[in-house]
Amino acid sequence: MLTTSADMEQRRQEAIAAYQLSSGGRDSEFDAVTELAAELFDMPIALVTVLSSERQLFRGSCGLDVDGTARDVAFCNRTVEQNDVFVVEDATQDDRFADNPLVTGPPHIRFYAGAPIVVDGGIAVGSLCLIDRKPRQLGERDATRLIMLARTVSDMIELRIGSRVAEERKQSLQRQSELLRATIDHVQQGIGVFDADLRLVLWNGLLIDLLRLPPELISEGRTAEELLLAAAREGAFGPGKPEAIVAPLLQSVRTTPSRRMDLNMPDGRILDAWRSAISDGRSILTIQDVTEQRRAARMKDEFVSTVSHELRTPLTAIRGSLAILARGAEERLDARGAQMLAMAGKNAERLTNLINDILDIEKLGSGVLTMSEDRLDLAQVLREVTEQNRPFAAAHGVELALDISDEPLAATGDAGRLHQALTNLVSNACKYSPDGGKVTIRGQREADQALLTVKDRGPGIPIDFRPHIFGRFAQAGPDHQQGRAGSGLGLTISKAIVERHRGDIGFDSEVGQGSCFWIRLPLAREEA
């Protein structure tokens, strides 16, 4: 007897009701599975979904802070129709999904891979899926692993309501555990999983090798304190008494959800250590050897810095010579010659600004850029930035408007560097504003912070460029640039300066409507 899609959907909804999967919201056990899946497959988003009659419910989620979506837009509708992994490598190029609101809007799905979650009776009630915001592929081996992890979720559903705990299921769970262990052992990172009491429950051999830990020390139930003390004795956290070093680290683990730090080992290796808390109280520690990457990055930075310094001296002489030639140029040169001389001077100035930006980036990266800690009036800084940038704005046909609240905006920091950060924002806003447009600069108080904003009415920031906007030499495509010159370093420098002032920087943008860049800085305590 053939089973129709309507019959299968009815059986699915009956199974969801029987297994009590349509209520209760997110489940910490499924959250833990998605955290692990996201880590193992290097994905920003992983979900355990259940397809109720009208909604796609997220019973476990990593990377999305919502409880589900409408059923009719769910990619998982396709996943439950087959027995293996359903993969969409680039949703924007797939006619079935190109206009899906989950593709055209948040979370901007590009890559999707889902394995069905099948309960007893062969009914697929949902999926374990992986999502990325950029196109990618899924290898055959990873597809097999995803299927096995989905089966683990199926087993969890069966076991949680006490159904069919038979020997076959126990053997199946054992196979899943062995697969999970094999997967972790083959990851190119050291991995350790700790329970809510900070006791080791899962690890791989690379964790032991990277930290140079005694193998006999590693066993299930070992405390994080014992492992940190052993690593401290190996010099992972620098010189000092191990107990004194470990105490604040443990405090950080207990009070912060995540942390990333470099471990400079005595043998010269640099390890990137990242800890992330899982919602049920457990936490994952990953360790990666980044010695070669850091060495290559340092050599590149040193090369760029050396070249920049070497260029600065002859460029200064060139600018000086051009300035001398420019005096009285109208008498000695024809119109074409004067134009070429002006162009040379302008390009020399642009090259000087680029070199200065590169040197600033190098200083910020190496931590040698000095910043004062003076008490300053942010309102006055905004006034000076506005007035000093009026000629630049006028040259682009743009009006600058200043709006400062009456509340005091006192902060501590380096007025010159904050001036530099704000000038980068204002100059960008002017360059991208239409002729006759307006750029509004505002300063106001929000609780114990100062909020400084620069708003334009330009074309807005392309969606695909937004994740990279604060990166070095980051520039949008040529259609967006349209001859607007820049080094691509201004926003990188602004971000570094703001963060050195213990502040935050970001933006809001709507394509076709403009952008608003904002800076939040802690306010200074009022003087007695």
Protein backbone atom coordinates (compact mmCIF):
# COMPACT_ATOMS: atom_id res chain seq x y z
CA MET A 1 0.00 0.00 0.00
CA LEU A 2 1.44 3.38 -1.05
CA THR A 3 1.81 6.11 1.56
CA THR A 4 0.72 9.56 0.37
CA SER A 5 2.40 12.78 1.49
CA ALA A 6 -0.75 13.66 3.44
CA ASP A 7 -0.62 10.30 5.25
CA MET A 8 3.06 10.80 6.05
CA GLU A 9 2.42 14.31 7.37
CA GLN A 10 -0.36 12.99 9.62
CA ARG A 11 1.94 10.27 10.96
CA ARG A 12 4.65 12.89 11.53
CA GLN A 13 2.36 15.10 13.60
CA GLU A 14 1.14 12.08 15.60
CA ALA A 15 4.76 11.09 16.32
CA ILE A 16 5.65 14.66 17.38
CA ALA A 17 2.72 14.66 19.78
CA ALA A 18 3.57 11.18 21.12
CA TYR A 19 7.18 12.14 21.80
CA GLN A 20 6.11 15.49 23.31
CA LEU A 21 8.28 17.48 20.92
CA SER A 22 5.87 20.32 20.12
CA SER A 23 6.11 22.11 23.48
CA GLY A 24 8.67 23.10 26.06
CA GLY A 25 10.92 25.33 23.95
CA ARG A 26 14.66 24.73 23.63
CA ASP A 27 16.23 21.73 25.34
CA SER A 28 19.68 21.97 26.93
CA GLU A 29 20.64 18.49 25.68
CA PHE A 30 19.85 19.41 22.09
CA ASP A 31 21.62 22.77 22.55
CA ALA A 32 24.71 20.81 23.56
CA VAL A 33 24.48 18.71 20.38
CA THR A 34 24.23 21.85 18.21
CA GLU A 35 27.18 23.47 20.02
CA LEU A 36 29.26 20.36 19.33
CA ALA A 37 28.08 20.13 15.70
CA ALA A 38 28.93 23.78 15.07
CA GLU A 39 32.41 23.26 16.55
CA LEU A 40 33.14 20.00 14.72
CA PHE A 41 31.96 21.19 11.30
CA ASP A 42 33.18 24.82 11.72
CA MET A 43 29.72 26.25 11.11
CA PRO A 44 28.26 29.48 12.56
CA ILE A 45 24.79 27.94 12.94
CA ALA A 46 23.58 24.45 13.89
CA LEU A 47 19.99 23.49 14.73
CA VAL A 48 17.85 20.59 15.94
CA THR A 49 14.47 21.24 14.30
CA VAL A 50 11.01 19.73 14.67
CA LEU A 51 8.34 20.28 11.96
CA SER A 52 5.02 20.95 13.68
CA SER A 53 1.94 21.57 11.56
CA GLU A 54 2.46 25.32 11.25
CA ARG A 55 5.95 26.08 12.49
CA GLN A 56 9.49 24.83 12.34
CA LEU A 57 10.52 24.60 16.00
CA PHE A 58 14.14 24.93 17.14
CA ARG A 59 14.52 22.42 20.01
CA GLY A 60 18.29 22.97 19.98
CA SER A 61 20.15 25.97 18.60
CA CYS A 62 23.68 27.32 18.25
CA GLY A 63 24.12 30.66 16.50
CA LEU A 64 20.45 31.72 16.32
CA ASP A 65 18.56 33.27 19.23
CA VAL A 66 15.03 32.54 17.97
CA ASP A 67 12.63 29.68 18.72
CA GLY A 68 11.71 28.79 15.15
CA THR A 69 10.30 29.93 11.80
CA ALA A 70 7.15 29.55 9.77
CA ARG A 71 6.78 25.99 8.45
CA ASP A 72 6.34 27.00 4.81
CA VAL A 73 9.84 28.59 4.54
CA ALA A 74 11.71 25.76 6.30
CA PHE A 75 14.52 24.11 4.32
CA CYS A 76 13.91 21.07 6.54
CA ASN A 77 10.68 20.34 4.63
CA ARG A 78 13.00 18.92 1.98
CA THR A 79 15.23 17.12 4.45
CA VAL A 80 12.46 14.98 5.95
CA GLU A 81 11.54 13.71 2.48
CA GLN A 82 14.74 11.70 2.09
CA ASN A 83 16.96 9.29 3.98
CA ASP A 84 20.35 10.93 3.50
CA VAL A 85 21.76 14.42 3.83
CA PHE A 86 20.00 17.20 1.96
CA VAL A 87 22.56 19.82 0.83
CA VAL A 88 22.15 23.27 -0.71
CA GLU A 89 25.61 24.66 -1.51
CA ASP A 90 24.45 28.17 -2.49
CA ALA A 91 20.81 29.01 -1.87
CA THR A 92 21.01 32.18 -3.98
CA GLN A 93 21.73 30.01 -7.02
CA ASP A 94 18.98 27.46 -6.28
CA ASP A 95 15.61 28.25 -7.84
CA ARG A 96 13.85 26.46 -4.99
CA PHE A 97 15.26 28.83 -2.36
CA ALA A 98 16.62 31.98 -4.04
CA ASP A 99 13.58 34.06 -3.01
CA ASN A 100 13.10 32.37 0.38
CA PRO A 101 12.91 35.06 3.14
CA LEU A 102 15.51 33.13 5.15
CA VAL A 103 17.87 33.64 2.21
CA THR A 104 16.98 37.21 1.27
CA GLY A 105 16.77 38.26 4.93
CA PRO A 106 18.10 37.08 8.32
CA PRO A 107 19.81 34.70 8.87
CA HIS A 108 20.88 35.07 5.18
CA ILE A 109 21.26 31.35 4.50
CA ARG A 110 23.68 30.46 1.74
CA PHE A 111 24.79 26.93 2.67
CA TYR A 112 22.47 24.34 4.22
CA ALA A 113 23.01 20.69 5.08
CA GLY A 114 20.41 18.70 6.97
CA ALA A 115 20.10 15.08 8.09
CA PRO A 116 16.63 13.79 9.05
CA ILE A 117 15.84 12.95 12.67
CA VAL A 118 13.94 9.69 12.46
CA VAL A 119 12.05 8.21 15.41
CA ASP A 120 10.71 4.70 15.87
CA GLY A 121 8.54 3.65 12.96
CA GLY A 122 10.68 5.41 10.38
CA ILE A 123 9.00 8.82 10.78
CA ALA A 124 11.18 11.88 10.18
CA VAL A 125 10.08 14.52 12.70
CA GLY A 126 12.72 17.13 11.89
CA SER A 127 16.42 17.49 11.19
CA LEU A 128 19.89 18.18 12.52
CA CYS A 129 21.06 20.91 10.17
CA LEU A 130 24.14 23.06 9.56
CA ILE A 131 23.88 26.59 8.16
CA ASP A 132 26.46 29.06 6.88
CA ARG A 133 26.09 32.59 5.55
CA LYS A 134 28.48 31.86 2.72
CA PRO A 135 28.42 29.18 0.02
CA ARG A 136 30.39 26.03 0.74
CA GLN A 137 30.43 22.28 0.14
CA LEU A 138 30.00 19.22 2.36
CA GLY A 139 32.37 16.32 1.82
CA GLU A 140 31.20 12.71 1.81
CA ARG A 141 32.91 11.99 5.11
CA ASP A 142 31.29 14.99 6.83
CA ALA A 143 27.92 13.99 5.37
CA THR A 144 28.30 10.56 6.99
CA ARG A 145 29.19 12.17 10.31
CA LEU A 146 26.17 14.46 10.14
CA ILE A 147 23.88 11.46 9.54
CA MET A 148 25.39 9.66 12.52
CA LEU A 149 24.97 12.71 14.77
CA ALA A 150 21.34 13.01 13.64
CA ARG A 151 20.85 9.37 14.62
CA THR A 152 22.31 10.25 18.01
CA VAL A 153 19.62 12.91 18.39
CA SER A 154 17.03 10.31 17.41
CA ASP A 155 18.37 8.02 20.12
CA MET A 156 18.25 10.87 22.65
CA ILE A 157 14.57 11.40 21.82
CA GLU A 158 13.82 7.73 22.30
CA LEU A 159 15.73 7.46 25.57
CA ARG A 160 14.46 10.66 27.15
CA ILE A 161 10.89 9.32 27.38
CA GLY A 162 12.05 5.91 28.50
CA SER A 163 11.11 4.02 25.33
CA ARG A 164 12.77 0.91 23.99
CA VAL A 165 16.02 0.94 25.94
CA ALA A 166 17.06 -2.34 24.33
CA GLU A 167 20.48 -3.83 23.80
CA GLU A 168 20.39 -2.86 20.15
CA ARG A 169 19.93 0.78 21.10
CA LYS A 170 22.73 0.54 23.62
CA GLN A 171 25.01 -0.82 20.95
CA SER A 172 23.88 1.93 18.58
CA LEU A 173 24.70 4.57 21.18
CA GLN A 174 28.06 2.93 21.70
CA ARG A 175 28.75 3.18 17.98
CA GLN A 176 27.73 6.84 18.04
CA SER A 177 30.06 7.48 20.97
CA GLU A 178 32.89 5.75 19.15
CA LEU A 179 32.16 7.86 16.07
CA LEU A 180 32.15 11.02 18.17
CA ARG A 181 35.43 10.01 19.79
CA ALA A 182 36.96 9.22 16.39
CA THR A 183 35.74 12.55 15.02
CA ILE A 184 37.22 14.54 17.90
CA ASP A 185 40.50 12.64 17.63
CA HIS A 186 40.81 13.64 13.97
CA VAL A 187 40.05 17.34 14.47
CA GLN A 188 43.14 19.50 13.93
CA GLN A 189 42.69 21.14 17.33
CA GLY A 190 43.10 20.08 20.90
CA ILE A 191 39.63 19.68 22.41
CA GLY A 192 38.47 19.32 26.00
CA VAL A 193 34.86 19.26 27.23
CA PHE A 194 34.14 20.07 30.88
CA ASP A 195 30.94 19.56 32.86
CA ALA A 196 29.20 22.21 34.96
CA ASP A 197 31.54 21.41 37.87
CA LEU A 198 34.57 22.01 35.62
CA ARG A 199 35.50 18.33 35.48
CA LEU A 200 36.90 16.81 32.31
CA VAL A 201 34.43 14.55 30.47
CA LEU A 202 35.81 14.36 26.91
CA TRP A 203 39.16 15.15 25.27
CA ASN A 204 41.49 14.21 22.44
CA GLY A 205 45.18 13.38 22.30
CA LEU A 206 46.11 16.66 20.63
CA LEU A 207 45.03 18.56 23.75
CA ILE A 208 47.63 16.63 25.76
CA ASP A 209 50.34 17.07 23.12
CA LEU A 210 49.87 20.80 22.60
CA LEU A 211 49.87 21.66 26.30
CA ARG A 212 52.68 19.17 27.06
CA LEU A 213 50.55 17.67 29.84
CA PRO A 214 51.60 14.44 31.58
CA PRO A 215 49.45 11.67 30.00
CA GLU A 216 48.82 10.12 33.40
CA LEU A 217 47.16 13.34 34.52
CA ILE A 218 44.41 13.12 31.89
CA SER A 219 41.42 11.08 32.97
CA GLU A 220 37.68 11.55 33.20
CA GLY A 221 36.73 13.62 36.23
CA ARG A 222 39.98 15.60 36.44
CA THR A 223 39.26 19.18 37.48
CA ALA A 224 40.05 22.20 35.34
CA GLU A 225 42.13 23.52 38.24
CA GLU A 226 44.40 20.46 38.15
CA LEU A 227 44.90 20.78 34.38
CA LEU A 228 45.52 24.54 34.55
CA LEU A 229 48.10 24.07 37.31
CA ALA A 230 49.89 21.44 35.20
CA ALA A 231 49.88 23.79 32.17
CA ALA A 232 51.14 26.67 34.34
CA ARG A 233 54.03 24.53 35.53
CA GLU A 234 54.91 23.97 31.86
CA GLY A 235 55.07 27.77 31.42
CA ALA A 236 51.90 28.11 29.32
CA PHE A 237 50.86 31.30 31.12
CA GLY A 238 54.28 32.88 31.54
CA PRO A 239 56.53 33.18 34.58
CA GLY A 240 55.17 33.21 38.09
CA LYS A 241 53.81 31.00 40.83
CA PRO A 242 51.34 28.53 39.25
CA GLU A 243 48.76 28.90 42.05
CA ALA A 244 48.77 32.69 41.71
CA ILE A 245 48.40 32.48 37.94
CA VAL A 246 45.60 29.91 37.94
CA ALA A 247 43.35 31.59 40.54
CA PRO A 248 42.22 34.50 38.29
CA LEU A 249 41.89 32.15 35.32
CA LEU A 250 39.47 29.95 37.24
CA GLN A 251 37.54 33.03 38.32
CA SER A 252 37.24 34.06 34.67
CA VAL A 253 35.97 30.59 33.70
CA ARG A 254 33.28 30.75 36.39
CA THR A 255 32.11 34.29 35.58
CA THR A 256 32.47 34.78 31.81
CA PRO A 257 30.80 32.75 29.03
CA SER A 258 33.80 32.74 26.71
CA ARG A 259 37.40 33.87 26.43
CA ARG A 260 40.20 33.75 23.90
CA MET A 261 43.87 34.11 24.71
CA ASP A 262 47.33 33.36 23.36
CA LEU A 263 49.56 30.94 25.23
CA ASN A 264 53.25 31.69 24.64
CA MET A 265 54.95 28.39 25.40
CA PRO A 266 58.57 28.27 26.65
CA ASP A 267 59.64 26.38 23.52
CA GLY A 268 58.56 29.31 21.34
CA ARG A 269 55.20 27.92 20.20
CA ILE A 270 52.11 30.16 20.22
CA LEU A 271 48.83 28.43 21.05
CA ASP A 272 45.42 29.96 20.41
CA ALA A 273 43.17 28.92 23.32
CA TRP A 274 39.42 29.47 23.11
CA ARG A 275 36.84 28.54 25.73
CA SER A 276 33.10 28.73 25.18
CA ALA A 277 30.33 27.95 27.65
CA ILE A 278 27.37 25.76 26.66
CA SER A 279 23.92 26.67 27.92
CA ASP A 280 23.66 23.65 30.25
CA GLY A 281 26.75 24.72 32.18
CA ARG A 282 29.31 22.67 30.29
CA SER A 283 32.14 24.30 28.37
CA ILE A 284 34.38 23.48 25.42
CA LEU A 285 38.10 24.29 25.29
CA THR A 286 39.91 24.29 21.95
CA ILE A 287 43.68 24.69 21.52
CA GLN A 288 45.39 25.32 18.17
CA ASP A 289 49.06 25.84 17.29
CA VAL A 290 49.22 29.17 15.42
CA THR A 291 52.98 29.64 15.58
CA GLU A 292 53.54 29.66 11.82
CA GLN A 293 50.51 31.84 11.11
CA ARG A 294 51.66 34.43 13.64
CA ARG A 295 55.23 34.31 12.34
CA ALA A 296 54.05 34.91 8.78
CA ALA A 297 51.77 37.75 9.90
CA ARG A 298 54.62 39.34 11.88
CA MET A 299 56.99 39.13 8.91
CA LYS A 300 54.37 40.73 6.68
CA ASP A 301 53.75 43.54 9.16
CA GLU A 302 57.46 44.15 9.58
CA PHE A 303 57.94 44.24 5.81
CA VAL A 304 55.07 46.70 5.33
CA SER A 305 56.34 48.88 8.18
CA THR A 306 59.91 48.90 6.80
CA VAL A 307 58.76 49.78 3.28
CA SER A 308 56.49 52.52 4.63
CA HIS A 309 59.31 54.07 6.65
CA GLU A 310 61.64 53.91 3.64
CA LEU A 311 59.03 55.61 1.44
CA ARG A 312 58.32 58.42 3.88
CA THR A 313 61.70 60.21 3.49
CA PRO A 314 61.80 60.47 -0.34
CA LEU A 315 58.07 61.26 -0.38
CA THR A 316 58.63 64.20 1.96
CA ALA A 317 61.30 65.51 -0.42
CA ILE A 318 58.95 65.06 -3.40
CA ARG A 319 56.16 66.98 -1.67
CA GLY A 320 58.57 69.75 -0.76
CA SER A 321 59.80 70.00 -4.34
CA LEU A 322 56.25 70.08 -5.67
CA ALA A 323 55.37 72.84 -3.22
CA ILE A 324 58.32 74.92 -4.46
CA LEU A 325 57.32 74.35 -8.09
CA ALA A 326 53.74 75.31 -7.29
CA ARG A 327 54.84 78.80 -6.18
CA GLY A 328 54.45 81.01 -9.19
CA ALA A 329 53.36 78.11 -11.39
CA GLU A 330 50.81 80.32 -13.13
CA GLU A 331 53.61 82.48 -14.56
CA ARG A 332 55.95 79.66 -15.65
CA LEU A 333 53.53 76.91 -16.70
CA ASP A 334 50.63 76.70 -19.11
CA ALA A 335 47.21 75.46 -17.95
CA ARG A 336 48.02 71.82 -18.75
CA GLY A 337 51.31 71.94 -16.85
CA ALA A 338 49.68 73.59 -13.82
CA GLN A 339 46.98 70.91 -13.85
CA MET A 340 49.54 68.11 -13.91
CA LEU A 341 51.50 69.76 -11.10
CA ALA A 342 48.35 70.02 -8.96
CA MET A 343 47.54 66.37 -9.71
CA ALA A 344 51.04 65.30 -8.65
CA GLY A 345 50.70 67.23 -5.39
CA LYS A 346 47.32 65.70 -4.66
CA ASN A 347 48.55 62.17 -5.32
CA ALA A 348 51.64 62.74 -3.18
CA GLU A 349 49.36 63.84 -0.35
CA ARG A 350 47.19 60.71 -0.80
CA LEU A 351 50.30 58.51 -0.71
CA THR A 352 51.48 60.26 2.46
CA ASN A 353 48.11 59.64 4.13
CA LEU A 354 48.25 55.98 3.10
CA ILE A 355 51.73 55.56 4.56
CA ASN A 356 50.65 57.26 7.79
CA ASP A 357 47.65 54.93 8.02
CA ILE A 358 49.86 51.87 7.47
CA LEU A 359 52.27 53.03 10.18
CA ASP A 360 49.39 53.67 12.57
CA ILE A 361 48.04 50.17 11.93
CA GLU A 362 51.47 48.68 12.57
CA LYS A 363 51.80 50.61 15.85
CA LEU A 364 48.31 49.63 16.98
CA GLY A 365 48.97 45.98 16.15
CA SER A 366 52.26 45.91 18.01
CA GLY A 367 50.88 47.85 20.98
CA VAL A 368 53.46 50.67 20.76
CA LEU A 369 51.04 53.43 19.77
CA THR A 370 50.93 55.70 22.80
CA MET A 371 47.67 57.24 23.95
CA SER A 372 47.22 59.75 26.71
CA GLU A 373 44.74 59.33 29.55
CA ASP A 374 43.52 62.90 29.89
CA ARG A 375 40.15 64.11 31.07
CA LEU A 376 38.43 65.51 28.01
CA ASP A 377 35.15 66.99 26.85
CA LEU A 378 33.69 64.86 24.06
CA ALA A 379 31.36 67.68 23.07
CA GLN A 380 34.39 69.88 22.35
CA VAL A 381 36.02 67.06 20.37
CA LEU A 382 32.86 66.81 18.23
CA ARG A 383 32.84 70.58 17.65
CA GLU A 384 36.48 70.56 16.53
CA VAL A 385 35.95 67.56 14.25
CA THR A 386 32.95 69.25 12.67
CA GLU A 387 34.67 72.59 12.07
CA GLN A 388 37.92 71.10 10.77
CA ASN A 389 36.04 68.88 8.31
CA ARG A 390 33.76 71.59 6.89
CA PRO A 391 36.15 72.41 4.01
CA PHE A 392 36.38 68.71 3.11
CA ALA A 393 32.60 68.39 3.24
CA ALA A 394 32.13 71.54 1.13
CA ALA A 395 34.48 70.12 -1.50
CA HIS A 396 32.09 67.15 -1.79
CA GLY A 397 28.99 69.35 -1.83
CA VAL A 398 27.91 68.16 1.62
CA GLU A 399 26.63 70.07 4.64
CA LEU A 400 27.77 69.13 8.15
CA ALA A 401 25.19 69.42 10.95
CA LEU A 402 26.15 69.16 14.63
CA ASP A 403 23.70 68.14 17.38
CA ILE A 404 25.06 67.85 20.94
CA SER A 405 22.92 67.28 24.04
CA ASP A 406 23.13 69.66 26.99
CA GLU A 407 24.31 66.91 29.34
CA PRO A 408 28.05 66.83 30.09
CA LEU A 409 30.05 64.31 28.04
CA ALA A 410 33.28 63.99 30.03
CA ALA A 411 35.52 61.03 29.27
CA THR A 412 39.10 59.91 29.78
CA GLY A 413 41.40 59.34 26.85
CA ASP A 414 43.40 60.83 24.00
CA ALA A 415 41.56 63.71 22.33
CA GLY A 416 43.83 63.61 19.27
CA ARG A 417 43.27 59.94 18.60
CA LEU A 418 39.49 60.22 19.14
CA HIS A 419 39.58 63.17 16.76
CA GLN A 420 41.31 60.88 14.23
CA ALA A 421 38.71 58.11 14.68
CA LEU A 422 35.78 60.51 14.26
CA THR A 423 37.38 62.24 11.28
CA ASN A 424 37.60 58.88 9.52
CA LEU A 425 33.86 58.40 10.02
CA VAL A 426 33.00 61.94 8.90
CA SER A 427 35.20 61.83 5.80
CA ASN A 428 33.68 58.49 4.76
CA ALA A 429 30.18 59.87 5.27
CA CYS A 430 31.00 62.90 3.11
CA LYS A 431 32.54 60.82 0.33
CA TYR A 432 29.49 58.58 0.11
CA SER A 433 26.88 61.33 0.43
CA PRO A 434 25.10 62.68 -2.68
CA ASP A 435 25.82 66.19 -3.87
CA GLY A 436 23.76 68.57 -1.73
CA GLY A 437 23.42 65.96 1.02
CA LYS A 438 23.78 66.35 4.77
CA VAL A 439 25.93 64.50 7.32
CA THR A 440 24.69 64.74 10.90
CA ILE A 441 27.12 64.44 13.81
CA ARG A 442 25.52 63.83 17.20
CA GLY A 443 26.67 63.42 20.78
CA GLN A 444 24.43 62.34 23.63
CA ARG A 445 24.48 60.54 26.94
CA GLU A 446 23.08 57.04 27.45
CA ALA A 447 23.25 55.93 31.08
CA ASP A 448 26.98 55.79 31.93
CA GLN A 449 28.13 55.99 28.29
CA ALA A 450 28.54 58.65 25.63
CA LEU A 451 26.97 57.84 22.26
CA LEU A 452 28.62 59.57 19.30
CA THR A 453 27.05 59.06 15.85
CA VAL A 454 27.82 60.09 12.27
CA LYS A 455 24.84 59.68 9.94
CA ASP A 456 24.74 60.09 6.17
CA ARG A 457 22.07 59.68 3.51
CA GLY A 458 24.22 57.87 1.00
CA PRO A 459 23.74 54.53 -0.77
CA GLY A 460 24.13 52.42 2.36
CA ILE A 461 26.57 49.54 2.87
CA PRO A 462 26.20 46.43 0.67
CA ILE A 463 24.96 43.51 2.75
CA ASP A 464 27.73 41.14 1.66
CA PHE A 465 30.41 43.70 2.60
CA ARG A 466 29.16 44.42 6.13
CA PRO A 467 30.98 41.53 7.89
CA HIS A 468 34.31 42.77 6.47
CA ILE A 469 33.90 46.53 6.88
CA PHE A 470 36.34 46.90 9.81
CA GLY A 471 39.00 44.66 8.22
CA ARG A 472 42.34 45.89 6.93
CA PHE A 473 42.24 47.30 3.38
CA ALA A 474 38.53 46.45 3.26
CA GLN A 475 36.70 48.18 0.42
CA ALA A 476 33.36 47.48 -1.20
CA GLY A 477 33.09 46.52 -4.85
CA PRO A 478 33.78 48.94 -7.70
CA ASP A 479 30.09 49.66 -8.24
CA HIS A 480 29.88 51.00 -4.70
CA GLN A 481 33.22 52.82 -4.81
CA GLN A 482 32.62 54.78 -8.02
CA GLY A 483 35.94 56.60 -7.82
CA ARG A 484 35.83 57.35 -4.09
CA ALA A 485 39.48 57.14 -3.05
CA GLY A 486 40.56 55.57 0.21
CA SER A 487 43.15 53.26 1.73
CA GLY A 488 40.67 50.85 3.30
CA LEU A 489 42.40 51.36 6.66
CA GLY A 490 40.42 54.22 8.19
CA LEU A 491 37.72 52.12 9.84
CA THR A 492 40.29 49.59 11.04
CA ILE A 493 42.20 52.37 12.76
CA SER A 494 39.01 53.90 14.19
CA LYS A 495 37.97 50.55 15.66
CA ALA A 496 41.38 50.01 17.26
CA ILE A 497 41.39 53.51 18.76
CA VAL A 498 37.88 53.13 20.18
CA GLU A 499 38.67 49.74 21.67
CA ARG A 500 41.84 51.17 23.26
CA HIS A 501 39.45 53.62 24.97
CA ARG A 502 37.41 50.66 26.29
CA GLY A 503 34.59 51.55 23.92
CA ASP A 504 32.58 49.94 21.14
CA ILE A 505 32.07 50.92 17.50
CA GLY A 506 29.46 49.70 15.02
CA PHE A 507 26.97 50.80 12.41
CA ASP A 508 23.40 50.56 11.20
CA SER A 509 22.76 50.73 7.48
CA GLU A 510 19.92 50.38 4.99
CA VAL A 511 20.72 50.02 1.32
CA GLY A 512 19.50 53.09 -0.53
CA GLN A 513 18.81 55.03 2.68
CA GLY A 514 22.22 55.68 4.21
CA SER A 515 24.35 54.59 7.15
CA CYS A 516 24.86 55.61 10.76
CA PHE A 517 28.18 54.78 12.43
CA TRP A 518 28.19 54.92 16.22
CA ILE A 519 30.80 54.98 18.96
CA ARG A 520 30.05 54.22 22.60
CA LEU A 521 32.58 55.36 25.20
CA PRO A 522 32.50 55.06 29.00
CA LEU A 523 31.94 58.39 30.71
CA ALA A 524 34.39 59.63 33.32
CA ARG A 525 33.29 59.90 36.90
CA GLU A 526 32.18 63.35 37.90
CA GLU A 527 34.84 65.30 39.74
CA ALA A 528 34.15 66.04 43.38
